[in-house]
Amino acid sequence: MTSINFKLRNGELRKINAEDGLTLMEVARDNDLGIEGTCGGSISCCTCHVVIEKDWFSKVGPANPDEEDMLDLAVDLQSTSRLGCQIEVTPELDGLIVNIPNE
């Protein structure tokens, strides 16, 4: 299990022990953290938009071109924005801090 820290819209920090191999979208959705994931991870919506803490962004990496196109539709887009469906939980991400952006 990998520990992921989600900063919720209300400022609360929720630490979730996530199963490796799941995506951040699945972890957030399954724990009712305010992420929808309408398209189920097919990069055809931006309802799993998250903002990665700057100190972690190099570890997570940038979006691919398809993801960048979809992120252009996201509200509250930031330089470290990603789609949660495209980030797989791995042991290297233990301690990751992810912000749930405003809708």
PDB file of N, CA and C in Angstrom:
ATOM      1  N   MET A   1       0.841  -1.185   0.000  1.00  0.00           N
ATOM      2  CA  MET A   1       0.000   0.000   0.000  1.00  0.00           C
ATOM      3  C   MET A   1       0.882   1.242   0.000  1.00  0.00           C
ATOM      4  N   THR A   2       0.432   2.236  -0.723  1.00  0.00           N
ATOM      5  CA  THR A   2       1.139   3.496  -0.854  1.00  0.00           C
ATOM      6  C   THR A   2       0.278   4.597  -0.242  1.00  0.00           C
ATOM      7  N   SER A   3       0.885   5.435   0.563  1.00  0.00           N
ATOM      8  CA  SER A   3       0.174   6.514   1.224  1.00  0.00           C
ATOM      9  C   SER A   3       0.099   7.734   0.299  1.00  0.00           C
ATOM     10  N   ILE A   4      -1.134   8.186   0.020  1.00  0.00           N
ATOM     11  CA  ILE A   4      -1.364   9.365  -0.804  1.00  0.00           C
ATOM     12  C   ILE A   4      -2.111  10.384   0.055  1.00  0.00           C
ATOM     13  N   ASN A   5      -1.637  11.621   0.035  1.00  0.00           N
ATOM     14  CA  ASN A   5      -2.259  12.705   0.801  1.00  0.00           C
ATOM     15  C   ASN A   5      -3.066  13.581  -0.143  1.00  0.00           C
ATOM     16  N   PHE A   6      -4.374  13.656   0.104  1.00  0.00           N
ATOM     17  CA  PHE A   6      -5.260  14.479  -0.706  1.00  0.00           C
ATOM     18  C   PHE A   6      -5.657  15.716   0.082  1.00  0.00           C
ATOM     19  N   LYS A   7      -5.412  16.898  -0.496  1.00  0.00           N
ATOM     20  CA  LYS A   7      -5.893  18.150   0.084  1.00  0.00           C
ATOM     21  C   LYS A   7      -7.243  18.439  -0.539  1.00  0.00           C
ATOM     22  N   LEU A   8      -8.275  18.397   0.287  1.00  0.00           N
ATOM     23  CA  LEU A   8      -9.637  18.579  -0.189  1.00  0.00           C
ATOM     24  C   LEU A   8      -9.955  20.053  -0.411  1.00  0.00           C
ATOM     25  N   ARG A   9     -11.059  20.323  -1.054  1.00  0.00           N
ATOM     26  CA  ARG A   9     -11.471  21.694  -1.365  1.00  0.00           C
ATOM     27  C   ARG A   9     -11.655  22.540  -0.112  1.00  0.00           C
ATOM     28  N   ASN A  10     -12.046  21.904   0.991  1.00  0.00           N
ATOM     29  CA  ASN A  10     -12.266  22.644   2.241  1.00  0.00           C
ATOM     30  C   ASN A  10     -10.976  22.819   3.048  1.00  0.00           C
ATOM     31  N   GLY A  11      -9.838  22.389   2.507  1.00  0.00           N
ATOM     32  CA  GLY A  11      -8.555  22.530   3.186  1.00  0.00           C
ATOM     33  C   GLY A  11      -8.140  21.334   4.015  1.00  0.00           C
ATOM     34  N   GLU A  12      -9.058  20.401   4.224  1.00  0.00           N
ATOM     35  CA  GLU A  12      -8.756  19.200   5.008  1.00  0.00           C
ATOM     36  C   GLU A  12      -7.746  18.330   4.254  1.00  0.00           C
ATOM     37  N   LEU A  13      -6.831  17.718   4.990  1.00  0.00           N
ATOM     38  CA  LEU A  13      -5.859  16.785   4.410  1.00  0.00           C
ATOM     39  C   LEU A  13      -6.297  15.368   4.769  1.00  0.00           C
ATOM     40  N   ARG A  14      -6.519  14.544   3.753  1.00  0.00           N
ATOM     41  CA  ARG A  14      -6.914  13.150   3.972  1.00  0.00           C
ATOM     42  C   ARG A  14      -5.812  12.237   3.480  1.00  0.00           C
ATOM     43  N   LYS A  15      -5.304  11.415   4.363  1.00  0.00           N
ATOM     44  CA  LYS A  15      -4.271  10.441   4.021  1.00  0.00           C
ATOM     45  C   LYS A  15      -4.972   9.121   3.710  1.00  0.00           C
ATOM     46  N   ILE A  16      -4.722   8.620   2.504  1.00  0.00           N
ATOM     47  CA  ILE A  16      -5.355   7.380   2.047  1.00  0.00           C
ATOM     48  C   ILE A  16      -4.263   6.364   1.742  1.00  0.00           C
ATOM     49  N   ASN A  17      -4.420   5.156   2.265  1.00  0.00           N
ATOM     50  CA  ASN A  17      -3.531   4.057   1.903  1.00  0.00           C
ATOM     51  C   ASN A  17      -4.108   3.416   0.654  1.00  0.00           C
ATOM     52  N   ALA A  18      -3.418   3.631  -0.456  1.00  0.00           N
ATOM     53  CA  ALA A  18      -3.921   3.212  -1.760  1.00  0.00           C
ATOM     54  C   ALA A  18      -3.238   1.949  -2.246  1.00  0.00           C
ATOM     55  N   GLU A  19      -4.003   1.139  -2.928  1.00  0.00           N
ATOM     56  CA  GLU A  19      -3.466  -0.086  -3.517  1.00  0.00           C
ATOM     57  C   GLU A  19      -2.649   0.267  -4.755  1.00  0.00           C
ATOM     58  N   ASP A  20      -1.438  -0.237  -4.824  1.00  0.00           N
ATOM     59  CA  ASP A  20      -0.595  -0.005  -5.987  1.00  0.00           C
ATOM     60  C   ASP A  20      -1.272  -0.557  -7.226  1.00  0.00           C
ATOM     61  N   GLY A  21      -1.147   0.171  -8.331  1.00  0.00           N
ATOM     62  CA  GLY A  21      -1.763  -0.228  -9.588  1.00  0.00           C
ATOM     63  C   GLY A  21      -3.051   0.507  -9.884  1.00  0.00           C
ATOM     64  N   LEU A  22      -3.695   1.054  -8.849  1.00  0.00           N
ATOM     65  CA  LEU A  22      -4.873   1.881  -9.083  1.00  0.00           C
ATOM     66  C   LEU A  22      -4.426   3.245  -9.579  1.00  0.00           C
ATOM     67  N   THR A  23      -5.342   4.017 -10.117  1.00  0.00           N
ATOM     68  CA  THR A  23      -5.032   5.388 -10.500  1.00  0.00           C
ATOM     69  C   THR A  23      -5.484   6.336  -9.393  1.00  0.00           C
ATOM     70  N   LEU A  24      -4.943   7.547  -9.413  1.00  0.00           N
ATOM     71  CA  LEU A  24      -5.383   8.543  -8.433  1.00  0.00           C
ATOM     72  C   LEU A  24      -6.878   8.795  -8.549  1.00  0.00           C
ATOM     73  N   MET A  25      -7.422   8.756  -9.767  1.00  0.00           N
ATOM     74  CA  MET A  25      -8.861   8.926  -9.958  1.00  0.00           C
ATOM     75  C   MET A  25      -9.634   7.856  -9.200  1.00  0.00           C
ATOM     76  N   GLU A  26      -9.216   6.601  -9.347  1.00  0.00           N
ATOM     77  CA  GLU A  26      -9.921   5.507  -8.685  1.00  0.00           C
ATOM     78  C   GLU A  26      -9.846   5.634  -7.172  1.00  0.00           C
ATOM     79  N   VAL A  27      -8.679   5.993  -6.671  1.00  0.00           N
ATOM     80  CA  VAL A  27      -8.501   6.138  -5.223  1.00  0.00           C
ATOM     81  C   VAL A  27      -9.383   7.259  -4.691  1.00  0.00           C
ATOM     82  N   ALA A  28      -9.356   8.417  -5.353  1.00  0.00           N
ATOM     83  CA  ALA A  28     -10.152   9.558  -4.903  1.00  0.00           C
ATOM     84  C   ALA A  28     -11.647   9.273  -5.014  1.00  0.00           C
ATOM     85  N   ARG A  29     -12.064   8.696  -6.122  1.00  0.00           N
ATOM     86  CA  ARG A  29     -13.486   8.383  -6.338  1.00  0.00           C
ATOM     87  C   ARG A  29     -13.981   7.370  -5.320  1.00  0.00           C
ATOM     88  N   ASP A  30     -13.202   6.312  -5.106  1.00  0.00           N
ATOM     89  CA  ASP A  30     -13.618   5.247  -4.194  1.00  0.00           C
ATOM     90  C   ASP A  30     -13.650   5.693  -2.740  1.00  0.00           C
ATOM     91  N   ASN A  31     -12.965   6.804  -2.441  1.00  0.00           N
ATOM     92  CA  ASN A  31     -12.950   7.331  -1.069  1.00  0.00           C
ATOM     93  C   ASN A  31     -13.774   8.611  -0.934  1.00  0.00           C
ATOM     94  N   ASP A  32     -14.641   8.876  -1.904  1.00  0.00           N
ATOM     95  CA  ASP A  32     -15.561  10.020  -1.885  1.00  0.00           C
ATOM     96  C   ASP A  32     -14.858  11.347  -1.607  1.00  0.00           C
ATOM     97  N   LEU A  33     -13.795  11.614  -2.380  1.00  0.00           N
ATOM     98  CA  LEU A  33     -13.019  12.831  -2.171  1.00  0.00           C
ATOM     99  C   LEU A  33     -13.382  13.952  -3.145  1.00  0.00           C
ATOM    100  N   GLY A  34     -14.465  13.799  -3.886  1.00  0.00           N
ATOM    101  CA  GLY A  34     -14.928  14.853  -4.774  1.00  0.00           C
ATOM    102  C   GLY A  34     -14.412  14.755  -6.192  1.00  0.00           C
ATOM    103  N   ILE A  35     -13.943  13.578  -6.577  1.00  0.00           N
ATOM    104  CA  ILE A  35     -13.483  13.332  -7.947  1.00  0.00           C
ATOM    105  C   ILE A  35     -14.500  12.410  -8.605  1.00  0.00           C
ATOM    106  N   GLU A  36     -14.956  12.795  -9.799  1.00  0.00           N
ATOM    107  CA  GLU A  36     -15.969  12.020 -10.504  1.00  0.00           C
ATOM    108  C   GLU A  36     -15.391  10.917 -11.373  1.00  0.00           C
ATOM    109  N   GLY A  37     -14.536  11.281 -12.301  1.00  0.00           N
ATOM    110  CA  GLY A  37     -14.008  10.280 -13.230  1.00  0.00           C
ATOM    111  C   GLY A  37     -15.068   9.768 -14.169  1.00  0.00           C
ATOM    112  N   THR A  38     -15.833  10.676 -14.752  1.00  0.00           N
ATOM    113  CA  THR A  38     -16.983  10.326 -15.585  1.00  0.00           C
ATOM    114  C   THR A  38     -16.647   9.373 -16.724  1.00  0.00           C
ATOM    115  N   CYS A  39     -15.523   9.588 -17.398  1.00  0.00           N
ATOM    116  CA  CYS A  39     -15.198   8.764 -18.579  1.00  0.00           C
ATOM    117  C   CYS A  39     -14.512   7.448 -18.200  1.00  0.00           C
ATOM    118  N   GLY A  40     -14.240   7.246 -16.922  1.00  0.00           N
ATOM    119  CA  GLY A  40     -13.642   5.995 -16.484  1.00  0.00           C
ATOM    120  C   GLY A  40     -12.169   5.841 -16.819  1.00  0.00           C
ATOM    121  N   GLY A  41     -11.522   6.943 -17.178  1.00  0.00           N
ATOM    122  CA  GLY A  41     -10.084   6.881 -17.422  1.00  0.00           C
ATOM    123  C   GLY A  41      -9.688   6.837 -18.883  1.00  0.00           C
ATOM    124  N   SER A  42     -10.607   7.181 -19.780  1.00  0.00           N
ATOM    125  CA  SER A  42     -10.307   7.111 -21.212  1.00  0.00           C
ATOM    126  C   SER A  42      -9.823   8.448 -21.798  1.00  0.00           C
ATOM    127  N   ILE A  43      -9.486   9.390 -20.956  1.00  0.00           N
ATOM    128  CA  ILE A  43      -9.007  10.721 -21.350  1.00  0.00           C
ATOM    129  C   ILE A  43     -10.009  11.429 -22.272  1.00  0.00           C
ATOM    130  N   SER A  44     -11.297  11.308 -21.943  1.00  0.00           N
ATOM    131  CA  SER A  44     -12.299  12.011 -22.738  1.00  0.00           C
ATOM    132  C   SER A  44     -13.128  12.974 -21.900  1.00  0.00           C
ATOM    133  N   CYS A  45     -12.650  13.291 -20.710  1.00  0.00           N
ATOM    134  CA  CYS A  45     -13.255  14.330 -19.877  1.00  0.00           C
ATOM    135  C   CYS A  45     -12.164  14.852 -18.937  1.00  0.00           C
ATOM    136  N   CYS A  46     -12.499  15.821 -18.131  1.00  0.00           N
ATOM    137  CA  CYS A  46     -11.505  16.326 -17.170  1.00  0.00           C
ATOM    138  C   CYS A  46     -12.078  16.341 -15.754  1.00  0.00           C
ATOM    139  N   THR A  47     -13.010  15.429 -15.476  1.00  0.00           N
ATOM    140  CA  THR A  47     -13.642  15.390 -14.154  1.00  0.00           C
ATOM    141  C   THR A  47     -12.756  14.737 -13.091  1.00  0.00           C
ATOM    142  N   CYS A  48     -11.561  14.310 -13.473  1.00  0.00           N
ATOM    143  CA  CYS A  48     -10.616  13.760 -12.483  1.00  0.00           C
ATOM    144  C   CYS A  48      -9.389  14.667 -12.369  1.00  0.00           C
ATOM    145  N   HIS A  49      -9.558  15.932 -12.770  1.00  0.00           N
ATOM    146  CA  HIS A  49      -8.481  16.917 -12.702  1.00  0.00           C
ATOM    147  C   HIS A  49      -7.981  17.044 -11.257  1.00  0.00           C
ATOM    148  N   VAL A  50      -6.671  16.924 -11.093  1.00  0.00           N
ATOM    149  CA  VAL A  50      -6.016  17.132  -9.801  1.00  0.00           C
ATOM    150  C   VAL A  50      -4.807  18.038 -10.015  1.00  0.00           C
ATOM    151  N   VAL A  51      -4.346  18.615  -8.916  1.00  0.00           N
ATOM    152  CA  VAL A  51      -3.147  19.456  -8.966  1.00  0.00           C
ATOM    153  C   VAL A  51      -2.103  18.821  -8.059  1.00  0.00           C
ATOM    154  N   ILE A  52      -0.982  18.472  -8.636  1.00  0.00           N
ATOM    155  CA  ILE A  52       0.102  17.823  -7.906  1.00  0.00           C
ATOM    156  C   ILE A  52       0.933  18.901  -7.213  1.00  0.00           C
ATOM    157  N   GLU A  53       1.295  18.670  -5.960  1.00  0.00           N
ATOM    158  CA  GLU A  53       2.177  19.608  -5.253  1.00  0.00           C
ATOM    159  C   GLU A  53       3.469  19.757  -6.043  1.00  0.00           C
ATOM    160  N   LYS A  54       3.976  20.980  -6.130  1.00  0.00           N
ATOM    161  CA  LYS A  54       5.152  21.278  -6.961  1.00  0.00           C
ATOM    162  C   LYS A  54       6.348  20.392  -6.644  1.00  0.00           C
ATOM    163  N   ASP A  55       6.577  20.104  -5.370  1.00  0.00           N
ATOM    164  CA  ASP A  55       7.724  19.273  -4.990  1.00  0.00           C
ATOM    165  C   ASP A  55       7.619  17.847  -5.519  1.00  0.00           C
ATOM    166  N   TRP A  56       6.429  17.417  -5.870  1.00  0.00           N
ATOM    167  CA  TRP A  56       6.190  16.053  -6.354  1.00  0.00           C
ATOM    168  C   TRP A  56       6.054  15.966  -7.865  1.00  0.00           C
ATOM    169  N   PHE A  57       5.897  17.098  -8.530  1.00  0.00           N
ATOM    170  CA  PHE A  57       5.567  17.060  -9.957  1.00  0.00           C
ATOM    171  C   PHE A  57       6.628  16.365 -10.801  1.00  0.00           C
ATOM    172  N   SER A  58       7.892  16.553 -10.477  1.00  0.00           N
ATOM    173  CA  SER A  58       8.940  15.897 -11.267  1.00  0.00           C
ATOM    174  C   SER A  58       8.885  14.380 -11.115  1.00  0.00           C
ATOM    175  N   LYS A  59       8.449  13.903  -9.974  1.00  0.00           N
ATOM    176  CA  LYS A  59       8.328  12.457  -9.743  1.00  0.00           C
ATOM    177  C   LYS A  59       7.127  11.889 -10.516  1.00  0.00           C
ATOM    178  N   VAL A  60       6.036  12.647 -10.557  1.00  0.00           N
ATOM    179  CA  VAL A  60       4.829  12.208 -11.260  1.00  0.00           C
ATOM    180  C   VAL A  60       5.002  12.366 -12.767  1.00  0.00           C
ATOM    181  N   GLY A  61       5.603  13.469 -13.174  1.00  0.00           N
ATOM    182  CA  GLY A  61       5.851  13.718 -14.594  1.00  0.00           C
ATOM    183  C   GLY A  61       4.748  14.516 -15.257  1.00  0.00           C
ATOM    184  N   PRO A  62       5.057  15.060 -16.423  1.00  0.00           N
ATOM    185  CA  PRO A  62       4.090  15.898 -17.135  1.00  0.00           C
ATOM    186  C   PRO A  62       3.031  15.069 -17.859  1.00  0.00           C
ATOM    187  N   ALA A  63       2.004  15.769 -18.288  1.00  0.00           N
ATOM    188  CA  ALA A  63       0.922  15.140 -19.048  1.00  0.00           C
ATOM    189  C   ALA A  63       1.387  14.806 -20.459  1.00  0.00           C
ATOM    190  N   ASN A  64       0.794  13.765 -21.027  1.00  0.00           N
ATOM    191  CA  ASN A  64       1.055  13.450 -22.439  1.00  0.00           C
ATOM    192  C   ASN A  64       0.184  14.376 -23.298  1.00  0.00           C
ATOM    193  N   PRO A  65       0.412  14.443 -24.610  1.00  0.00           N
ATOM    194  CA  PRO A  65      -0.343  15.381 -25.452  1.00  0.00           C
ATOM    195  C   PRO A  65      -1.866  15.220 -25.392  1.00  0.00           C
ATOM    196  N   ASP A  66      -2.373  13.995 -25.348  1.00  0.00           N
ATOM    197  CA  ASP A  66      -3.825  13.786 -25.263  1.00  0.00           C
ATOM    198  C   ASP A  66      -4.380  14.345 -23.960  1.00  0.00           C
ATOM    199  N   GLU A  67      -3.635  14.110 -22.888  1.00  0.00           N
ATOM    200  CA  GLU A  67      -4.046  14.610 -21.575  1.00  0.00           C
ATOM    201  C   GLU A  67      -3.992  16.144 -21.562  1.00  0.00           C
ATOM    202  N   GLU A  68      -2.968  16.728 -22.150  1.00  0.00           N
ATOM    203  CA  GLU A  68      -2.860  18.189 -22.213  1.00  0.00           C
ATOM    204  C   GLU A  68      -4.065  18.793 -22.924  1.00  0.00           C
ATOM    205  N   ASP A  69      -4.498  18.167 -24.020  1.00  0.00           N
ATOM    206  CA  ASP A  69      -5.671  18.658 -24.747  1.00  0.00           C
ATOM    207  C   ASP A  69      -6.904  18.669 -23.855  1.00  0.00           C
ATOM    208  N   MET A  70      -7.087  17.626 -23.063  1.00  0.00           N
ATOM    209  CA  MET A  70      -8.252  17.543 -22.194  1.00  0.00           C
ATOM    210  C   MET A  70      -8.132  18.518 -21.018  1.00  0.00           C
ATOM    211  N   LEU A  71      -6.937  18.697 -20.507  1.00  0.00           N
ATOM    212  CA  LEU A  71      -6.729  19.629 -19.396  1.00  0.00           C
ATOM    213  C   LEU A  71      -7.072  21.061 -19.781  1.00  0.00           C
ATOM    214  N   ASP A  72      -6.984  21.390 -21.066  1.00  0.00           N
ATOM    215  CA  ASP A  72      -7.355  22.734 -21.512  1.00  0.00           C
ATOM    216  C   ASP A  72      -8.802  23.078 -21.160  1.00  0.00           C
ATOM    217  N   LEU A  73      -9.620  22.073 -20.912  1.00  0.00           N
ATOM    218  CA  LEU A  73     -11.030  22.275 -20.562  1.00  0.00           C
ATOM    219  C   LEU A  73     -11.263  22.344 -19.055  1.00  0.00           C
ATOM    220  N   ALA A  74     -10.230  22.102 -18.266  1.00  0.00           N
ATOM    221  CA  ALA A  74     -10.371  22.035 -16.806  1.00  0.00           C
ATOM    222  C   ALA A  74     -10.503  23.427 -16.185  1.00  0.00           C
ATOM    223  N   VAL A  75     -11.287  23.490 -15.140  1.00  0.00           N
ATOM    224  CA  VAL A  75     -11.416  24.705 -14.334  1.00  0.00           C
ATOM    225  C   VAL A  75     -10.250  24.738 -13.349  1.00  0.00           C
ATOM    226  N   ASP A  76      -9.735  25.916 -13.063  1.00  0.00           N
ATOM    227  CA  ASP A  76      -8.656  26.097 -12.089  1.00  0.00           C
ATOM    228  C   ASP A  76      -7.364  25.396 -12.528  1.00  0.00           C
ATOM    229  N   LEU A  77      -7.088  25.422 -13.830  1.00  0.00           N
ATOM    230  CA  LEU A  77      -5.897  24.796 -14.381  1.00  0.00           C
ATOM    231  C   LEU A  77      -4.640  25.460 -13.824  1.00  0.00           C
ATOM    232  N   GLN A  78      -3.658  24.639 -13.436  1.00  0.00           N
ATOM    233  CA  GLN A  78      -2.399  25.139 -12.891  1.00  0.00           C
ATOM    234  C   GLN A  78      -1.231  24.434 -13.575  1.00  0.00           C
ATOM    235  N   SER A  79      -0.039  24.936 -13.347  1.00  0.00           N
ATOM    236  CA  SER A  79       1.137  24.381 -14.030  1.00  0.00           C
ATOM    237  C   SER A  79       1.414  22.931 -13.660  1.00  0.00           C
ATOM    238  N   THR A  80       0.927  22.472 -12.525  1.00  0.00           N
ATOM    239  CA  THR A  80       1.135  21.083 -12.108  1.00  0.00           C
ATOM    240  C   THR A  80      -0.159  20.266 -12.183  1.00  0.00           C
ATOM    241  N   SER A  81      -1.104  20.721 -13.010  1.00  0.00           N
ATOM    242  CA  SER A  81      -2.361  19.987 -13.192  1.00  0.00           C
ATOM    243  C   SER A  81      -2.118  18.700 -13.971  1.00  0.00           C
ATOM    244  N   ARG A  82      -2.854  17.688 -13.591  1.00  0.00           N
ATOM    245  CA  ARG A  82      -2.846  16.395 -14.294  1.00  0.00           C
ATOM    246  C   ARG A  82      -4.242  15.808 -14.216  1.00  0.00           C
ATOM    247  N   LEU A  83      -4.499  14.812 -15.040  1.00  0.00           N
ATOM    248  CA  LEU A  83      -5.718  14.020 -14.914  1.00  0.00           C
ATOM    249  C   LEU A  83      -5.393  12.841 -14.008  1.00  0.00           C
ATOM    250  N   GLY A  84      -6.165  12.685 -12.952  1.00  0.00           N
ATOM    251  CA  GLY A  84      -5.908  11.616 -11.991  1.00  0.00           C
ATOM    252  C   GLY A  84      -5.971  10.230 -12.597  1.00  0.00           C
ATOM    253  N   CYS A  85      -6.714  10.081 -13.697  1.00  0.00           N
ATOM    254  CA  CYS A  85      -6.833   8.770 -14.338  1.00  0.00           C
ATOM    255  C   CYS A  85      -5.540   8.347 -15.023  1.00  0.00           C
ATOM    256  N   GLN A  86      -4.624   9.284 -15.205  1.00  0.00           N
ATOM    257  CA  GLN A  86      -3.383   8.982 -15.909  1.00  0.00           C
ATOM    258  C   GLN A  86      -2.187   8.800 -14.971  1.00  0.00           C
ATOM    259  N   ILE A  87      -2.438   8.826 -13.673  1.00  0.00           N
ATOM    260  CA  ILE A  87      -1.357   8.663 -12.698  1.00  0.00           C
ATOM    261  C   ILE A  87      -1.595   7.388 -11.905  1.00  0.00           C
ATOM    262  N   GLU A  88      -0.734   6.411 -12.128  1.00  0.00           N
ATOM    263  CA  GLU A  88      -0.841   5.130 -11.435  1.00  0.00           C
ATOM    264  C   GLU A  88      -0.116   5.198 -10.096  1.00  0.00           C
ATOM    265  N   VAL A  89      -0.759   4.659  -9.076  1.00  0.00           N
ATOM    266  CA  VAL A  89      -0.159   4.597  -7.745  1.00  0.00           C
ATOM    267  C   VAL A  89       0.958   3.551  -7.764  1.00  0.00           C
ATOM    268  N   THR A  90       2.144   3.980  -7.364  1.00  0.00           N
ATOM    269  CA  THR A  90       3.311   3.102  -7.254  1.00  0.00           C
ATOM    270  C   THR A  90       4.011   3.399  -5.934  1.00  0.00           C
ATOM    271  N   PRO A  91       4.829   2.485  -5.439  1.00  0.00           N
ATOM    272  CA  PRO A  91       5.545   2.744  -4.188  1.00  0.00           C
ATOM    273  C   PRO A  91       6.397   4.022  -4.234  1.00  0.00           C
ATOM    274  N   GLU A  92       6.859   4.415  -5.427  1.00  0.00           N
ATOM    275  CA  GLU A  92       7.674   5.632  -5.554  1.00  0.00           C
ATOM    276  C   GLU A  92       6.875   6.890  -5.227  1.00  0.00           C
ATOM    277  N   LEU A  93       5.556   6.790  -5.231  1.00  0.00           N
ATOM    278  CA  LEU A  93       4.707   7.945  -4.936  1.00  0.00           C
ATOM    279  C   LEU A  93       4.254   7.983  -3.474  1.00  0.00           C
ATOM    280  N   ASP A  94       4.844   7.160  -2.630  1.00  0.00           N
ATOM    281  CA  ASP A  94       4.478   7.146  -1.217  1.00  0.00           C
ATOM    282  C   ASP A  94       4.690   8.531  -0.607  1.00  0.00           C
ATOM    283  N   GLY A  95       3.635   9.113  -0.053  1.00  0.00           N
ATOM    284  CA  GLY A  95       3.695  10.438   0.534  1.00  0.00           C
ATOM    285  C   GLY A  95       3.231  11.547  -0.402  1.00  0.00           C
ATOM    286  N   LEU A  96       2.893  11.214  -1.648  1.00  0.00           N
ATOM    287  CA  LEU A  96       2.444  12.182  -2.641  1.00  0.00           C
ATOM    288  C   LEU A  96       1.365  13.086  -2.073  1.00  0.00           C
ATOM    289  N   ILE A  97       1.429  14.373  -2.435  1.00  0.00           N
ATOM    290  CA  ILE A  97       0.413  15.331  -2.032  1.00  0.00           C
ATOM    291  C   ILE A  97      -0.328  15.791  -3.288  1.00  0.00           C
ATOM    292  N   VAL A  98      -1.647  15.579  -3.283  1.00  0.00           N
ATOM    293  CA  VAL A  98      -2.500  15.877  -4.426  1.00  0.00           C
ATOM    294  C   VAL A  98      -3.592  16.836  -3.958  1.00  0.00           C
ATOM    295  N   ASN A  99      -3.764  17.929  -4.676  1.00  0.00           N
ATOM    296  CA  ASN A  99      -4.821  18.889  -4.375  1.00  0.00           C
ATOM    297  C   ASN A  99      -6.028  18.618  -5.258  1.00  0.00           C
ATOM    298  N   ILE A 100      -7.220  18.618  -4.645  1.00  0.00           N
ATOM    299  CA  ILE A 100      -8.462  18.539  -5.388  1.00  0.00           C
ATOM    300  C   ILE A 100      -8.857  19.987  -5.693  1.00  0.00           C
ATOM    301  N   PRO A 101      -8.827  20.390  -6.971  1.00  0.00           N
ATOM    302  CA  PRO A 101      -9.084  21.794  -7.304  1.00  0.00           C
ATOM    303  C   PRO A 101     -10.555  22.174  -7.133  1.00  0.00           C
ATOM    304  N   ASN A 102     -10.807  23.475  -7.085  1.00  0.00           N
ATOM    305  CA  ASN A 102     -12.186  23.967  -7.034  1.00  0.00           C
ATOM    306  C   ASN A 102     -12.881  23.629  -8.339  1.00  0.00           C
ATOM    307  N   GLU A 103     -14.171  23.417  -8.253  1.00  0.00           N
ATOM    308  CA  GLU A 103     -14.937  23.067  -9.451  1.00  0.00           C
ATOM    309  C   GLU A 103     -15.206  24.308 -10.260  1.00  0.00           C
TER     310      GLU A 103
END
